């Protein structure tokens, strides 16, 4: 499997999905786009559409959708969900990133 989830991340995603009306159709989509303070930035959303260039994985009962361009940048990554005093967020441990910004939402290759 190319993308994995920690138990915390899987539980949080399943909670978010179960709060939605069409829960059985939803996937956790991970996207990478240009921007952020380090060159690339991550974004996440719940989605029910599988696009032609998507790769779909399943881990701990969660379907994960990643487009082909994004997958090449995050292959082998682990998604975690962390709750801290400053807030809660999904964080990616990306073995392909050469550096990341302090917030963890941006990286460079």
PDB file of N, CA and C in Angstrom:
ATOM      1  N   UNK A   1       0.851  -1.186   0.000  1.00  0.00           N
ATOM      2  CA  UNK A   1       0.000   0.000   0.000  1.00  0.00           C
ATOM      3  C   UNK A   1       0.890   1.240   0.000  1.00  0.00           C
ATOM      4  N   UNK A   2       0.531   2.210  -0.800  1.00  0.00           N
ATOM      5  CA  UNK A   2       1.355   3.401  -0.952  1.00  0.00           C
ATOM      6  C   UNK A   2       1.141   4.445   0.133  1.00  0.00           C
ATOM      7  N   UNK A   3      -0.072   4.557   0.646  1.00  0.00           N
ATOM      8  CA  UNK A   3      -0.400   5.545   1.676  1.00  0.00           C
ATOM      9  C   UNK A   3      -1.006   4.786   2.850  1.00  0.00           C
ATOM     10  N   UNK A   4      -0.533   5.064   4.066  1.00  0.00           N
ATOM     11  CA  UNK A   4      -1.093   4.399   5.236  1.00  0.00           C
ATOM     12  C   UNK A   4      -1.601   5.439   6.233  1.00  0.00           C
ATOM     13  N   UNK A   5      -2.450   4.976   7.121  1.00  0.00           N
ATOM     14  CA  UNK A   5      -3.029   5.824   8.157  1.00  0.00           C
ATOM     15  C   UNK A   5      -2.623   5.302   9.528  1.00  0.00           C
ATOM     16  N   UNK A   6      -2.393   6.218  10.459  1.00  0.00           N
ATOM     17  CA  UNK A   6      -2.246   5.791  11.837  1.00  0.00           C
ATOM     18  C   UNK A   6      -3.646   5.482  12.357  1.00  0.00           C
ATOM     19  N   UNK A   7      -3.722   4.833  13.498  1.00  0.00           N
ATOM     20  CA  UNK A   7      -5.026   4.538  14.096  1.00  0.00           C
ATOM     21  C   UNK A   7      -5.783   5.825  14.410  1.00  0.00           C
ATOM     22  N   UNK A   8      -5.082   6.855  14.912  1.00  0.00           N
ATOM     23  CA  UNK A   8      -5.731   8.145  15.207  1.00  0.00           C
ATOM     24  C   UNK A   8      -6.334   8.760  13.954  1.00  0.00           C
ATOM     25  N   UNK A   9      -5.592   8.723  12.853  1.00  0.00           N
ATOM     26  CA  UNK A   9      -6.087   9.306  11.599  1.00  0.00           C
ATOM     27  C   UNK A   9      -7.302   8.535  11.092  1.00  0.00           C
ATOM     28  N   UNK A  10      -7.232   7.224  11.114  1.00  0.00           N
ATOM     29  CA  UNK A  10      -8.350   6.406  10.629  1.00  0.00           C
ATOM     30  C   UNK A  10      -9.602   6.666  11.455  1.00  0.00           C
ATOM     31  N   UNK A  11      -9.460   6.716  12.770  1.00  0.00           N
ATOM     32  CA  UNK A  11     -10.619   6.970  13.634  1.00  0.00           C
ATOM     33  C   UNK A  11     -11.228   8.337  13.364  1.00  0.00           C
ATOM     34  N   UNK A  12     -10.391   9.357  13.202  1.00  0.00           N
ATOM     35  CA  UNK A  12     -10.909  10.714  12.956  1.00  0.00           C
ATOM     36  C   UNK A  12     -11.608  10.789  11.603  1.00  0.00           C
ATOM     37  N   UNK A  13     -11.023  10.199  10.575  1.00  0.00           N
ATOM     38  CA  UNK A  13     -11.637  10.218   9.240  1.00  0.00           C
ATOM     39  C   UNK A  13     -12.977   9.484   9.271  1.00  0.00           C
ATOM     40  N   UNK A  14     -13.027   8.320   9.908  1.00  0.00           N
ATOM     41  CA  UNK A  14     -14.281   7.583   9.988  1.00  0.00           C
ATOM     42  C   UNK A  14     -15.349   8.374  10.746  1.00  0.00           C
ATOM     43  N   UNK A  15     -14.949   9.095  11.784  1.00  0.00           N
ATOM     44  CA  UNK A  15     -15.890   9.955  12.518  1.00  0.00           C
ATOM     45  C   UNK A  15     -16.432  11.040  11.591  1.00  0.00           C
ATOM     46  N   UNK A  16     -15.551  11.697  10.837  1.00  0.00           N
ATOM     47  CA  UNK A  16     -15.976  12.756   9.918  1.00  0.00           C
ATOM     48  C   UNK A  16     -16.901  12.200   8.835  1.00  0.00           C
ATOM     49  N   UNK A  17     -16.557  11.048   8.291  1.00  0.00           N
ATOM     50  CA  UNK A  17     -17.380  10.437   7.245  1.00  0.00           C
ATOM     51  C   UNK A  17     -18.759  10.083   7.784  1.00  0.00           C
ATOM     52  N   UNK A  18     -18.802   9.503   8.974  1.00  0.00           N
ATOM     53  CA  UNK A  18     -20.077   9.069   9.547  1.00  0.00           C
ATOM     54  C   UNK A  18     -20.998  10.230   9.903  1.00  0.00           C
ATOM     55  N   UNK A  19     -20.465  11.435   9.994  1.00  0.00           N
ATOM     56  CA  UNK A  19     -21.270  12.626  10.255  1.00  0.00           C
ATOM     57  C   UNK A  19     -21.955  13.148   8.990  1.00  0.00           C
ATOM     58  N   UNK A  20     -21.575  12.627   7.834  1.00  0.00           N
ATOM     59  CA  UNK A  20     -22.122  13.083   6.556  1.00  0.00           C
ATOM     60  C   UNK A  20     -23.307  12.217   6.129  1.00  0.00           C
ATOM     61  N   UNK A  21     -24.160  12.763   5.258  1.00  0.00           N
ATOM     62  CA  UNK A  21     -25.369  12.062   4.817  1.00  0.00           C
ATOM     63  C   UNK A  21     -25.070  10.821   3.986  1.00  0.00           C
ATOM     64  N   UNK A  22     -24.227  10.931   3.011  1.00  0.00           N
ATOM     65  CA  UNK A  22     -23.912   9.809   2.114  1.00  0.00           C
ATOM     66  C   UNK A  22     -22.612   9.148   2.546  1.00  0.00           C
ATOM     67  N   UNK A  23     -22.521   8.778   3.806  1.00  0.00           N
ATOM     68  CA  UNK A  23     -21.281   8.279   4.393  1.00  0.00           C
ATOM     69  C   UNK A  23     -20.682   7.107   3.628  1.00  0.00           C
ATOM     70  N   UNK A  24     -21.508   6.201   3.148  1.00  0.00           N
ATOM     71  CA  UNK A  24     -20.980   4.998   2.500  1.00  0.00           C
ATOM     72  C   UNK A  24     -20.269   5.295   1.187  1.00  0.00           C
ATOM     73  N   UNK A  25     -20.498   6.458   0.608  1.00  0.00           N
ATOM     74  CA  UNK A  25     -19.890   6.815  -0.673  1.00  0.00           C
ATOM     75  C   UNK A  25     -18.603   7.626  -0.532  1.00  0.00           C
ATOM     76  N   UNK A  26     -18.304   8.095   0.670  1.00  0.00           N
ATOM     77  CA  UNK A  26     -17.215   9.054   0.838  1.00  0.00           C
ATOM     78  C   UNK A  26     -15.843   8.411   0.990  1.00  0.00           C
ATOM     79  N   UNK A  27     -14.853   9.103   0.419  1.00  0.00           N
ATOM     80  CA  UNK A  27     -13.448   8.735   0.523  1.00  0.00           C
ATOM     81  C   UNK A  27     -12.694   9.938   1.090  1.00  0.00           C
ATOM     82  N   UNK A  28     -11.520   9.670   1.635  1.00  0.00           N
ATOM     83  CA  UNK A  28     -10.631  10.713   2.116  1.00  0.00           C
ATOM     84  C   UNK A  28      -9.678  11.036   0.970  1.00  0.00           C
ATOM     85  N   UNK A  29      -9.801  12.229   0.410  1.00  0.00           N
ATOM     86  CA  UNK A  29      -8.958  12.630  -0.723  1.00  0.00           C
ATOM     87  C   UNK A  29      -7.770  13.444  -0.217  1.00  0.00           C
ATOM     88  N   UNK A  30      -6.586  13.077  -0.702  1.00  0.00           N
ATOM     89  CA  UNK A  30      -5.352  13.805  -0.395  1.00  0.00           C
ATOM     90  C   UNK A  30      -4.858  14.414  -1.694  1.00  0.00           C
ATOM     91  N   UNK A  31      -4.589  15.719  -1.668  1.00  0.00           N
ATOM     92  CA  UNK A  31      -4.107  16.412  -2.857  1.00  0.00           C
ATOM     93  C   UNK A  31      -2.841  17.197  -2.519  1.00  0.00           C
ATOM     94  N   UNK A  32      -1.986  17.322  -3.506  1.00  0.00           N
ATOM     95  CA  UNK A  32      -0.797  18.151  -3.386  1.00  0.00           C
ATOM     96  C   UNK A  32      -0.865  19.194  -4.486  1.00  0.00           C
ATOM     97  N   UNK A  33      -0.638  20.442  -4.114  1.00  0.00           N
ATOM     98  CA  UNK A  33      -0.637  21.515  -5.107  1.00  0.00           C
ATOM     99  C   UNK A  33       0.564  22.415  -4.864  1.00  0.00           C
ATOM    100  N   UNK A  34       0.903  23.199  -5.860  1.00  0.00           N
ATOM    101  CA  UNK A  34       1.982  24.160  -5.703  1.00  0.00           C
ATOM    102  C   UNK A  34       1.561  25.251  -4.737  1.00  0.00           C
ATOM    103  N   UNK A  35       2.496  25.699  -3.917  1.00  0.00           N
ATOM    104  CA  UNK A  35       2.183  26.771  -2.977  1.00  0.00           C
ATOM    105  C   UNK A  35       2.717  26.466  -1.602  1.00  0.00           C
ATOM    106  N   UNK A  36       2.229  27.209  -0.637  1.00  0.00           N
ATOM    107  CA  UNK A  36       2.729  27.057   0.723  1.00  0.00           C
ATOM    108  C   UNK A  36       4.098  27.681   0.858  1.00  0.00           C
ATOM    109  N   UNK A  37       4.628  27.654   2.051  1.00  0.00           N
ATOM    110  CA  UNK A  37       5.910  28.321   2.278  1.00  0.00           C
ATOM    111  C   UNK A  37       7.108  27.472   1.865  1.00  0.00           C
ATOM    112  N   UNK A  38       6.891  26.200   1.489  1.00  0.00           N
ATOM    113  CA  UNK A  38       8.015  25.349   1.093  1.00  0.00           C
ATOM    114  C   UNK A  38       7.938  24.851  -0.348  1.00  0.00           C
ATOM    115  N   UNK A  39       6.917  25.248  -1.105  1.00  0.00           N
ATOM    116  CA  UNK A  39       6.847  24.854  -2.505  1.00  0.00           C
ATOM    117  C   UNK A  39       5.630  24.033  -2.873  1.00  0.00           C
ATOM    118  N   UNK A  40       5.272  23.048  -2.037  1.00  0.00           N
ATOM    119  CA  UNK A  40       4.079  22.233  -2.241  1.00  0.00           C
ATOM    120  C   UNK A  40       3.260  22.259  -0.966  1.00  0.00           C
ATOM    121  N   UNK A  41       1.949  22.121  -1.114  1.00  0.00           N
ATOM    122  CA  UNK A  41       1.114  22.061   0.078  1.00  0.00           C
ATOM    123  C   UNK A  41       0.102  20.928  -0.031  1.00  0.00           C
ATOM    124  N   UNK A  42      -0.232  20.365   1.122  1.00  0.00           N
ATOM    125  CA  UNK A  42      -1.212  19.285   1.205  1.00  0.00           C
ATOM    126  C   UNK A  42      -2.598  19.876   1.403  1.00  0.00           C
ATOM    127  N   UNK A  43      -3.596  19.187   0.888  1.00  0.00           N
ATOM    128  CA  UNK A  43      -4.978  19.514   1.234  1.00  0.00           C
ATOM    129  C   UNK A  43      -5.767  18.208   1.297  1.00  0.00           C
ATOM    130  N   UNK A  44      -6.814  18.228   2.100  1.00  0.00           N
ATOM    131  CA  UNK A  44      -7.620  17.046   2.359  1.00  0.00           C
ATOM    132  C   UNK A  44      -9.084  17.398   2.210  1.00  0.00           C
ATOM    133  N   UNK A  45      -9.884  16.454   1.753  1.00  0.00           N
ATOM    134  CA  UNK A  45     -11.329  16.644   1.737  1.00  0.00           C
ATOM    135  C   UNK A  45     -12.012  15.293   1.655  1.00  0.00           C
ATOM    136  N   UNK A  46     -13.286  15.285   1.995  1.00  0.00           N
ATOM    137  CA  UNK A  46     -14.100  14.089   1.817  1.00  0.00           C
ATOM    138  C   UNK A  46     -14.731  14.199   0.445  1.00  0.00           C
ATOM    139  N   UNK A  47     -14.636  13.136  -0.342  1.00  0.00           N
ATOM    140  CA  UNK A  47     -15.083  13.177  -1.730  1.00  0.00           C
ATOM    141  C   UNK A  47     -15.781  11.872  -2.064  1.00  0.00           C
ATOM    142  N   UNK A  48     -16.737  11.937  -2.972  1.00  0.00           N
ATOM    143  CA  UNK A  48     -17.423  10.722  -3.410  1.00  0.00           C
ATOM    144  C   UNK A  48     -17.138  10.381  -4.863  1.00  0.00           C
ATOM    145  N   UNK A  49     -16.353  11.216  -5.536  1.00  0.00           N
ATOM    146  CA  UNK A  49     -16.083  11.020  -6.957  1.00  0.00           C
ATOM    147  C   UNK A  49     -14.682  10.441  -7.153  1.00  0.00           C
ATOM    148  N   UNK A  50     -14.606   9.357  -7.938  1.00  0.00           N
ATOM    149  CA  UNK A  50     -13.318   8.796  -8.329  1.00  0.00           C
ATOM    150  C   UNK A  50     -13.028   9.297  -9.739  1.00  0.00           C
ATOM    151  N   UNK A  51     -11.930  10.018  -9.899  1.00  0.00           N
ATOM    152  CA  UNK A  51     -11.543  10.553 -11.200  1.00  0.00           C
ATOM    153  C   UNK A  51     -10.688   9.529 -11.953  1.00  0.00           C
ATOM    154  N   UNK A  52     -10.570   9.727 -13.248  1.00  0.00           N
ATOM    155  CA  UNK A  52      -9.857   8.789 -14.102  1.00  0.00           C
ATOM    156  C   UNK A  52      -8.411   8.568 -13.674  1.00  0.00           C
ATOM    157  N   UNK A  53      -7.742   9.610 -13.176  1.00  0.00           N
ATOM    158  CA  UNK A  53      -6.330   9.479 -12.811  1.00  0.00           C
ATOM    159  C   UNK A  53      -6.121   9.187 -11.319  1.00  0.00           C
ATOM    160  N   UNK A  54      -7.186   8.812 -10.602  1.00  0.00           N
ATOM    161  CA  UNK A  54      -7.085   8.524  -9.174  1.00  0.00           C
ATOM    162  C   UNK A  54      -6.547   7.124  -8.900  1.00  0.00           C
ATOM    163  N   UNK A  55      -5.826   7.023  -7.811  1.00  0.00           N
ATOM    164  CA  UNK A  55      -5.457   5.743  -7.223  1.00  0.00           C
ATOM    165  C   UNK A  55      -6.242   5.674  -5.923  1.00  0.00           C
ATOM    166  N   UNK A  56      -6.913   4.571  -5.688  1.00  0.00           N
ATOM    167  CA  UNK A  56      -7.719   4.426  -4.478  1.00  0.00           C
ATOM    168  C   UNK A  56      -7.141   3.282  -3.649  1.00  0.00           C
ATOM    169  N   UNK A  57      -6.871   3.578  -2.387  1.00  0.00           N
ATOM    170  CA  UNK A  57      -6.326   2.615  -1.444  1.00  0.00           C
ATOM    171  C   UNK A  57      -7.320   2.466  -0.309  1.00  0.00           C
ATOM    172  N   UNK A  58      -7.190   1.406   0.457  1.00  0.00           N
ATOM    173  CA  UNK A  58      -8.008   1.268   1.651  1.00  0.00           C
ATOM    174  C   UNK A  58      -7.108   0.864   2.804  1.00  0.00           C
ATOM    175  N   UNK A  59      -7.281   1.543   3.930  1.00  0.00           N
ATOM    176  CA  UNK A  59      -6.519   1.230   5.139  1.00  0.00           C
ATOM    177  C   UNK A  59      -7.438   1.426   6.330  1.00  0.00           C
ATOM    178  N   UNK A  60      -7.557   0.417   7.157  1.00  0.00           N
ATOM    179  CA  UNK A  60      -8.350   0.471   8.384  1.00  0.00           C
ATOM    180  C   UNK A  60      -9.796   0.916   8.138  1.00  0.00           C
ATOM    181  N   UNK A  61     -10.349   0.472   7.026  1.00  0.00           N
ATOM    182  CA  UNK A  61     -11.735   0.782   6.721  1.00  0.00           C
ATOM    183  C   UNK A  61     -11.967   2.120   6.050  1.00  0.00           C
ATOM    184  N   UNK A  62     -10.897   2.848   5.744  1.00  0.00           N
ATOM    185  CA  UNK A  62     -10.997   4.163   5.100  1.00  0.00           C
ATOM    186  C   UNK A  62     -10.502   4.054   3.666  1.00  0.00           C
ATOM    187  N   UNK A  63     -11.324   4.496   2.717  1.00  0.00           N
ATOM    188  CA  UNK A  63     -10.877   4.594   1.331  1.00  0.00           C
ATOM    189  C   UNK A  63     -10.139   5.912   1.172  1.00  0.00           C
ATOM    190  N   UNK A  64      -8.957   5.846   0.551  1.00  0.00           N
ATOM    191  CA  UNK A  64      -8.107   7.012   0.335  1.00  0.00           C
ATOM    192  C   UNK A  64      -7.960   7.200  -1.161  1.00  0.00           C
ATOM    193  N   UNK A  65      -8.266   8.389  -1.664  1.00  0.00           N
ATOM    194  CA  UNK A  65      -8.132   8.698  -3.083  1.00  0.00           C
ATOM    195  C   UNK A  65      -7.012   9.720  -3.266  1.00  0.00           C
ATOM    196  N   UNK A  66      -6.131   9.443  -4.216  1.00  0.00           N
ATOM    197  CA  UNK A  66      -5.015  10.346  -4.524  1.00  0.00           C
ATOM    198  C   UNK A  66      -4.847  10.379  -6.032  1.00  0.00           C
ATOM    199  N   UNK A  67      -4.795  11.583  -6.603  1.00  0.00           N
ATOM    200  CA  UNK A  67      -4.569  11.672  -8.048  1.00  0.00           C
ATOM    201  C   UNK A  67      -3.124  11.291  -8.358  1.00  0.00           C
ATOM    202  N   UNK A  68      -2.883  10.906  -9.597  1.00  0.00           N
ATOM    203  CA  UNK A  68      -1.573  10.387  -9.980  1.00  0.00           C
ATOM    204  C   UNK A  68      -0.430  11.371  -9.742  1.00  0.00           C
ATOM    205  N   UNK A  69      -0.637  12.640 -10.052  1.00  0.00           N
ATOM    206  CA  UNK A  69       0.427  13.639  -9.856  1.00  0.00           C
ATOM    207  C   UNK A  69       0.761  13.790  -8.375  1.00  0.00           C
ATOM    208  N   UNK A  70      -0.258  13.824  -7.518  1.00  0.00           N
ATOM    209  CA  UNK A  70      -0.027  13.945  -6.083  1.00  0.00           C
ATOM    210  C   UNK A  70       0.645  12.696  -5.529  1.00  0.00           C
ATOM    211  N   UNK A  71       0.225  11.527  -6.015  1.00  0.00           N
ATOM    212  CA  UNK A  71       0.782  10.278  -5.511  1.00  0.00           C
ATOM    213  C   UNK A  71       2.281  10.206  -5.721  1.00  0.00           C
ATOM    214  N   UNK A  72       2.756  10.716  -6.843  1.00  0.00           N
ATOM    215  CA  UNK A  72       4.198  10.669  -7.102  1.00  0.00           C
ATOM    216  C   UNK A  72       4.983  11.479  -6.065  1.00  0.00           C
ATOM    217  N   UNK A  73       4.336  12.454  -5.436  1.00  0.00           N
ATOM    218  CA  UNK A  73       4.995  13.294  -4.429  1.00  0.00           C
ATOM    219  C   UNK A  73       4.851  12.770  -3.008  1.00  0.00           C
ATOM    220  N   UNK A  74       3.845  11.915  -2.761  1.00  0.00           N
ATOM    221  CA  UNK A  74       3.601  11.461  -1.383  1.00  0.00           C
ATOM    222  C   UNK A  74       3.618   9.943  -1.221  1.00  0.00           C
ATOM    223  N   UNK A  75       4.028   9.226  -2.251  1.00  0.00           N
ATOM    224  CA  UNK A  75       4.061   7.758  -2.170  1.00  0.00           C
ATOM    225  C   UNK A  75       4.887   7.322  -0.966  1.00  0.00           C
ATOM    226  N   UNK A  76       4.351   6.362  -0.219  1.00  0.00           N
ATOM    227  CA  UNK A  76       5.045   5.851   0.964  1.00  0.00           C
ATOM    228  C   UNK A  76       4.786   6.655   2.227  1.00  0.00           C
ATOM    229  N   UNK A  77       3.916   7.642   2.145  1.00  0.00           N
ATOM    230  CA  UNK A  77       3.645   8.505   3.298  1.00  0.00           C
ATOM    231  C   UNK A  77       2.690   7.861   4.292  1.00  0.00           C
ATOM    232  N   UNK A  78       2.760   8.374   5.511  1.00  0.00           N
ATOM    233  CA  UNK A  78       1.831   7.975   6.560  1.00  0.00           C
ATOM    234  C   UNK A  78       1.068   9.210   7.015  1.00  0.00           C
ATOM    235  N   UNK A  79      -0.254   9.080   7.118  1.00  0.00           N
ATOM    236  CA  UNK A  79      -1.106  10.182   7.560  1.00  0.00           C
ATOM    237  C   UNK A  79      -1.418   9.965   9.034  1.00  0.00           C
ATOM    238  N   UNK A  80      -1.234  11.010   9.832  1.00  0.00           N
ATOM    239  CA  UNK A  80      -1.532  10.960  11.259  1.00  0.00           C
ATOM    240  C   UNK A  80      -2.518  12.073  11.590  1.00  0.00           C
ATOM    241  N   UNK A  81      -3.227  11.924  12.682  1.00  0.00           N
ATOM    242  CA  UNK A  81      -4.103  12.981  13.190  1.00  0.00           C
ATOM    243  C   UNK A  81      -3.609  13.323  14.584  1.00  0.00           C
ATOM    244  N   UNK A  82      -3.247  14.586  14.777  1.00  0.00           N
ATOM    245  CA  UNK A  82      -2.619  15.025  16.018  1.00  0.00           C
ATOM    246  C   UNK A  82      -3.451  16.129  16.657  1.00  0.00           C
ATOM    247  N   UNK A  83      -3.687  15.995  17.952  1.00  0.00           N
ATOM    248  CA  UNK A  83      -4.370  17.036  18.712  1.00  0.00           C
ATOM    249  C   UNK A  83      -3.351  17.672  19.646  1.00  0.00           C
ATOM    250  N   UNK A  84      -3.172  19.002  19.502  1.00  0.00           N
ATOM    251  CA  UNK A  84      -2.227  19.759  20.311  1.00  0.00           C
ATOM    252  C   UNK A  84      -2.942  20.965  20.900  1.00  0.00           C
ATOM    253  N   UNK A  85      -2.273  21.680  21.773  1.00  0.00           N
ATOM    254  CA  UNK A  85      -2.877  22.868  22.379  1.00  0.00           C
ATOM    255  C   UNK A  85      -3.271  23.908  21.338  1.00  0.00           C
ATOM    256  N   UNK A  86      -2.505  24.013  20.259  1.00  0.00           N
ATOM    257  CA  UNK A  86      -2.803  25.022  19.238  1.00  0.00           C
ATOM    258  C   UNK A  86      -3.857  24.564  18.246  1.00  0.00           C
ATOM    259  N   UNK A  87      -4.290  23.313  18.344  1.00  0.00           N
ATOM    260  CA  UNK A  87      -5.336  22.808  17.460  1.00  0.00           C
ATOM    261  C   UNK A  87      -5.067  21.375  17.042  1.00  0.00           C
ATOM    262  N   UNK A  88      -5.983  20.843  16.277  1.00  0.00           N
ATOM    263  CA  UNK A  88      -5.876  19.482  15.780  1.00  0.00           C
ATOM    264  C   UNK A  88      -5.724  19.520  14.262  1.00  0.00           C
ATOM    265  N   UNK A  89      -4.964  18.570  13.722  1.00  0.00           N
ATOM    266  CA  UNK A  89      -4.761  18.558  12.277  1.00  0.00           C
ATOM    267  C   UNK A  89      -4.271  17.199  11.803  1.00  0.00           C
ATOM    268  N   UNK A  90      -4.474  16.965  10.509  1.00  0.00           N
ATOM    269  CA  UNK A  90      -3.863  15.814   9.867  1.00  0.00           C
ATOM    270  C   UNK A  90      -2.438  16.201   9.499  1.00  0.00           C
ATOM    271  N   UNK A  91      -1.511  15.293   9.725  1.00  0.00           N
ATOM    272  CA  UNK A  91      -0.114  15.540   9.389  1.00  0.00           C
ATOM    273  C   UNK A  91       0.401  14.378   8.555  1.00  0.00           C
ATOM    274  N   UNK A  92       1.245  14.708   7.608  1.00  0.00           N
ATOM    275  CA  UNK A  92       1.804  13.695   6.713  1.00  0.00           C
ATOM    276  C   UNK A  92       3.284  13.510   7.009  1.00  0.00           C
ATOM    277  N   UNK A  93       3.657  12.263   7.225  1.00  0.00           N
ATOM    278  CA  UNK A  93       5.072  11.901   7.332  1.00  0.00           C
ATOM    279  C   UNK A  93       5.468  11.425   5.944  1.00  0.00           C
ATOM    280  N   UNK A  94       6.097  12.317   5.194  1.00  0.00           N
ATOM    281  CA  UNK A  94       6.391  12.089   3.788  1.00  0.00           C
ATOM    282  C   UNK A  94       7.872  11.763   3.595  1.00  0.00           C
ATOM    283  N   UNK A  95       8.203  10.513   3.232  1.00  0.00           N
ATOM    284  CA  UNK A  95       9.607  10.150   3.050  1.00  0.00           C
ATOM    285  C   UNK A  95      10.252  10.813   1.832  1.00  0.00           C
ATOM    286  N   UNK A  96       9.453  11.416   0.951  1.00  0.00           N
ATOM    287  CA  UNK A  96       9.968  12.054  -0.259  1.00  0.00           C
ATOM    288  C   UNK A  96      10.327  13.517  -0.043  1.00  0.00           C
ATOM    289  N   UNK A  97       9.882  14.099   1.063  1.00  0.00           N
ATOM    290  CA  UNK A  97      10.108  15.522   1.318  1.00  0.00           C
ATOM    291  C   UNK A  97      11.527  15.745   1.821  1.00  0.00           C
ATOM    292  N   UNK A  98      12.204  16.711   1.225  1.00  0.00           N
ATOM    293  CA  UNK A  98      13.552  17.045   1.692  1.00  0.00           C
ATOM    294  C   UNK A  98      13.497  18.054   2.832  1.00  0.00           C
ATOM    295  N   UNK A  99      12.414  18.825   2.897  1.00  0.00           N
ATOM    296  CA  UNK A  99      12.206  19.752   4.009  1.00  0.00           C
ATOM    297  C   UNK A  99      10.724  20.062   4.109  1.00  0.00           C
ATOM    298  N   UNK A 100      10.331  20.558   5.272  1.00  0.00           N
ATOM    299  CA  UNK A 100       8.934  20.923   5.503  1.00  0.00           C
ATOM    300  C   UNK A 100       8.901  22.207   6.314  1.00  0.00           C
ATOM    301  N   UNK A 101       7.789  22.912   6.222  1.00  0.00           N
ATOM    302  CA  UNK A 101       7.652  24.131   7.008  1.00  0.00           C
ATOM    303  C   UNK A 101       7.251  23.769   8.434  1.00  0.00           C
ATOM    304  N   UNK A 102       7.271  24.731   9.299  1.00  0.00           N
ATOM    305  CA  UNK A 102       6.949  24.505  10.707  1.00  0.00           C
ATOM    306  C   UNK A 102       5.533  24.033  10.944  1.00  0.00           C
ATOM    307  N   UNK A 103       4.602  24.449  10.094  1.00  0.00           N
ATOM    308  CA  UNK A 103       3.196  24.070  10.293  1.00  0.00           C
ATOM    309  C   UNK A 103       2.918  22.650   9.829  1.00  0.00           C
ATOM    310  N   UNK A 104       3.805  22.067   9.004  1.00  0.00           N
ATOM    311  CA  UNK A 104       3.621  20.708   8.534  1.00  0.00           C
ATOM    312  C   UNK A 104       2.688  20.563   7.340  1.00  0.00           C
ATOM    313  N   UNK A 105       2.148  21.658   6.828  1.00  0.00           N
ATOM    314  CA  UNK A 105       1.235  21.583   5.696  1.00  0.00           C
ATOM    315  C   UNK A 105       1.916  21.877   4.376  1.00  0.00           C
ATOM    316  N   UNK A 106       3.183  22.160   4.401  1.00  0.00           N
ATOM    317  CA  UNK A 106       3.915  22.519   3.203  1.00  0.00           C
ATOM    318  C   UNK A 106       5.259  21.794   3.213  1.00  0.00           C
ATOM    319  N   UNK A 107       5.752  21.437   2.009  1.00  0.00           N
ATOM    320  CA  UNK A 107       7.008  20.697   1.925  1.00  0.00           C
ATOM    321  C   UNK A 107       7.703  20.978   0.610  1.00  0.00           C
ATOM    322  N   UNK A 108       8.970  20.572   0.530  1.00  0.00           N
ATOM    323  CA  UNK A 108       9.705  20.650  -0.732  1.00  0.00           C
ATOM    324  C   UNK A 108      10.336  19.302  -0.996  1.00  0.00           C
ATOM    325  N   UNK A 109      10.663  19.071  -2.258  1.00  0.00           N
ATOM    326  CA  UNK A 109      11.262  17.798  -2.694  1.00  0.00           C
ATOM    327  C   UNK A 109      12.710  18.048  -3.030  1.00  0.00           C
TER     328      UNK A 109
END
